[in-house]
Amino acid sequence: MDYTSPSAQFTYDVNNNTFFKKDNRNYINALSINQLNTLGNVSMLDIYLRHGKRRRAIVSRSKGRGGRSN
């Protein structure tokens, strides 16, 4: 790649290329030579994974085998 060429692309808005989308909070954007010709043999992923509003805690209480119970 001739980086001095006028056709060399050095910027791209990765939000314009969604690779996978589950919902508005969980999606993957991709960037490859198809979007940015100066990348060569490289692809990059911009990954957004968000947990929902509900949070769950797993609590394990065991009796026996040396464990204390209240």
C-alpha atoms as a PDB file:
ATOM      1  CA  MET A   1       0.000   0.000   0.000  1.00  0.00           C
ATOM      2  CA  ASP A   2       1.299   3.391  -0.953  1.00  0.00           C
ATOM      3  CA  TYR A   3       0.428   5.526   2.078  1.00  0.00           C
ATOM      4  CA  THR A   4       1.191   8.717   0.133  1.00  0.00           C
ATOM      5  CA  SER A   5      -1.500   7.922  -2.466  1.00  0.00           C
ATOM      6  CA  PRO A   6      -4.552  10.216  -2.541  1.00  0.00           C
ATOM      7  CA  SER A   7      -6.757   7.101  -2.318  1.00  0.00           C
ATOM      8  CA  ALA A   8      -5.265   6.055   1.055  1.00  0.00           C
ATOM      9  CA  GLN A   9      -7.979   6.031   3.729  1.00  0.00           C
ATOM     10  CA  PHE A  10      -6.886   6.749   7.307  1.00  0.00           C
ATOM     11  CA  THR A  11     -10.211   7.429   9.035  1.00  0.00           C
ATOM     12  CA  TYR A  12     -13.549   5.646   9.202  1.00  0.00           C
ATOM     13  CA  ASP A  13     -16.510   5.817  11.579  1.00  0.00           C
ATOM     14  CA  VAL A  14     -16.769   2.235  12.825  1.00  0.00           C
ATOM     15  CA  ASN A  15     -20.387   2.879  13.923  1.00  0.00           C
ATOM     16  CA  ASN A  16     -21.324   2.746  10.229  1.00  0.00           C
ATOM     17  CA  ASN A  17     -20.449  -0.956   9.987  1.00  0.00           C
ATOM     18  CA  THR A  18     -22.398  -3.090  12.453  1.00  0.00           C
ATOM     19  CA  PHE A  19     -21.248  -6.703  12.255  1.00  0.00           C
ATOM     20  CA  PHE A  20     -23.715  -8.149  14.790  1.00  0.00           C
ATOM     21  CA  LYS A  21     -26.559  -6.626  16.801  1.00  0.00           C
ATOM     22  CA  LYS A  22     -28.588  -8.311  19.507  1.00  0.00           C
ATOM     23  CA  ASP A  23     -30.195  -5.089  20.734  1.00  0.00           C
ATOM     24  CA  ASN A  24     -29.270  -1.427  21.282  1.00  0.00           C
ATOM     25  CA  ARG A  25     -27.037  -2.334  24.233  1.00  0.00           C
ATOM     26  CA  ASN A  26     -25.271  -5.412  22.800  1.00  0.00           C
ATOM     27  CA  TYR A  27     -23.600  -5.163  19.421  1.00  0.00           C
ATOM     28  CA  ILE A  28     -20.326  -5.575  17.536  1.00  0.00           C
ATOM     29  CA  ASN A  29     -18.935  -3.129  14.996  1.00  0.00           C
ATOM     30  CA  ALA A  30     -16.211  -4.272  12.610  1.00  0.00           C
ATOM     31  CA  LEU A  31     -13.449  -2.535  10.709  1.00  0.00           C
ATOM     32  CA  SER A  32     -11.481  -4.234   7.940  1.00  0.00           C
ATOM     33  CA  ILE A  33      -9.750  -3.474   4.660  1.00  0.00           C
ATOM     34  CA  ASN A  34     -13.224  -3.186   3.091  1.00  0.00           C
ATOM     35  CA  GLN A  35     -13.830  -0.001   5.095  1.00  0.00           C
ATOM     36  CA  LEU A  36     -10.290   1.291   5.540  1.00  0.00           C
ATOM     37  CA  ASN A  37      -7.864   0.354   2.756  1.00  0.00           C
ATOM     38  CA  THR A  38      -4.737   1.122   4.835  1.00  0.00           C
ATOM     39  CA  LEU A  39      -5.419  -1.691   7.332  1.00  0.00           C
ATOM     40  CA  GLY A  40      -3.986  -4.416   5.144  1.00  0.00           C
ATOM     41  CA  ASN A  41      -4.419  -7.916   6.557  1.00  0.00           C
ATOM     42  CA  VAL A  42      -6.004  -6.788   9.843  1.00  0.00           C
ATOM     43  CA  SER A  43      -9.570  -6.599  11.129  1.00  0.00           C
ATOM     44  CA  MET A  44     -10.689  -4.874  14.304  1.00  0.00           C
ATOM     45  CA  LEU A  45     -13.836  -5.411  16.384  1.00  0.00           C
ATOM     46  CA  ASP A  46     -15.497  -2.794  18.574  1.00  0.00           C
ATOM     47  CA  ILE A  47     -17.570  -4.809  21.064  1.00  0.00           C
ATOM     48  CA  TYR A  48     -20.308  -3.444  23.333  1.00  0.00           C
ATOM     49  CA  LEU A  49     -21.815  -5.847  25.856  1.00  0.00           C
ATOM     50  CA  ARG A  50     -24.062  -4.428  28.541  1.00  0.00           C
ATOM     51  CA  HIS A  51     -25.838  -6.164  31.381  1.00  0.00           C
ATOM     52  CA  GLY A  52     -29.542  -5.520  31.840  1.00  0.00           C
ATOM     53  CA  LYS A  53     -31.085  -3.562  34.691  1.00  0.00           C
ATOM     54  CA  ARG A  54     -31.684  -6.638  36.834  1.00  0.00           C
ATOM     55  CA  ARG A  55     -28.728  -7.962  38.705  1.00  0.00           C
ATOM     56  CA  ARG A  56     -28.697 -11.384  40.220  1.00  0.00           C
ATOM     57  CA  ALA A  57     -26.433 -12.663  42.906  1.00  0.00           C
ATOM     58  CA  ILE A  58     -25.855 -16.354  43.373  1.00  0.00           C
ATOM     59  CA  VAL A  59     -25.597 -17.255  47.036  1.00  0.00           C
ATOM     60  CA  SER A  60     -24.626 -20.741  48.065  1.00  0.00           C
ATOM     61  CA  ARG A  61     -25.018 -21.840  51.641  1.00  0.00           C
ATOM     62  CA  SER A  62     -23.955 -25.326  52.465  1.00  0.00           C
ATOM     63  CA  LYS A  63     -24.488 -27.257  55.650  1.00  0.00           C
ATOM     64  CA  GLY A  64     -22.082 -29.965  56.609  1.00  0.00           C
ATOM     65  CA  ARG A  65     -18.576 -30.699  55.377  1.00  0.00           C
ATOM     66  CA  GLY A  66     -17.151 -28.154  57.768  1.00  0.00           C
ATOM     67  CA  GLY A  67     -19.390 -25.323  56.630  1.00  0.00           C
ATOM     68  CA  ARG A  68     -21.082 -23.264  59.307  1.00  0.00           C
ATOM     69  CA  SER A  69     -24.780 -22.496  59.209  1.00  0.00           C
ATOM     70  CA  ASN A  70     -26.505 -19.596  60.954  1.00  0.00           C
END
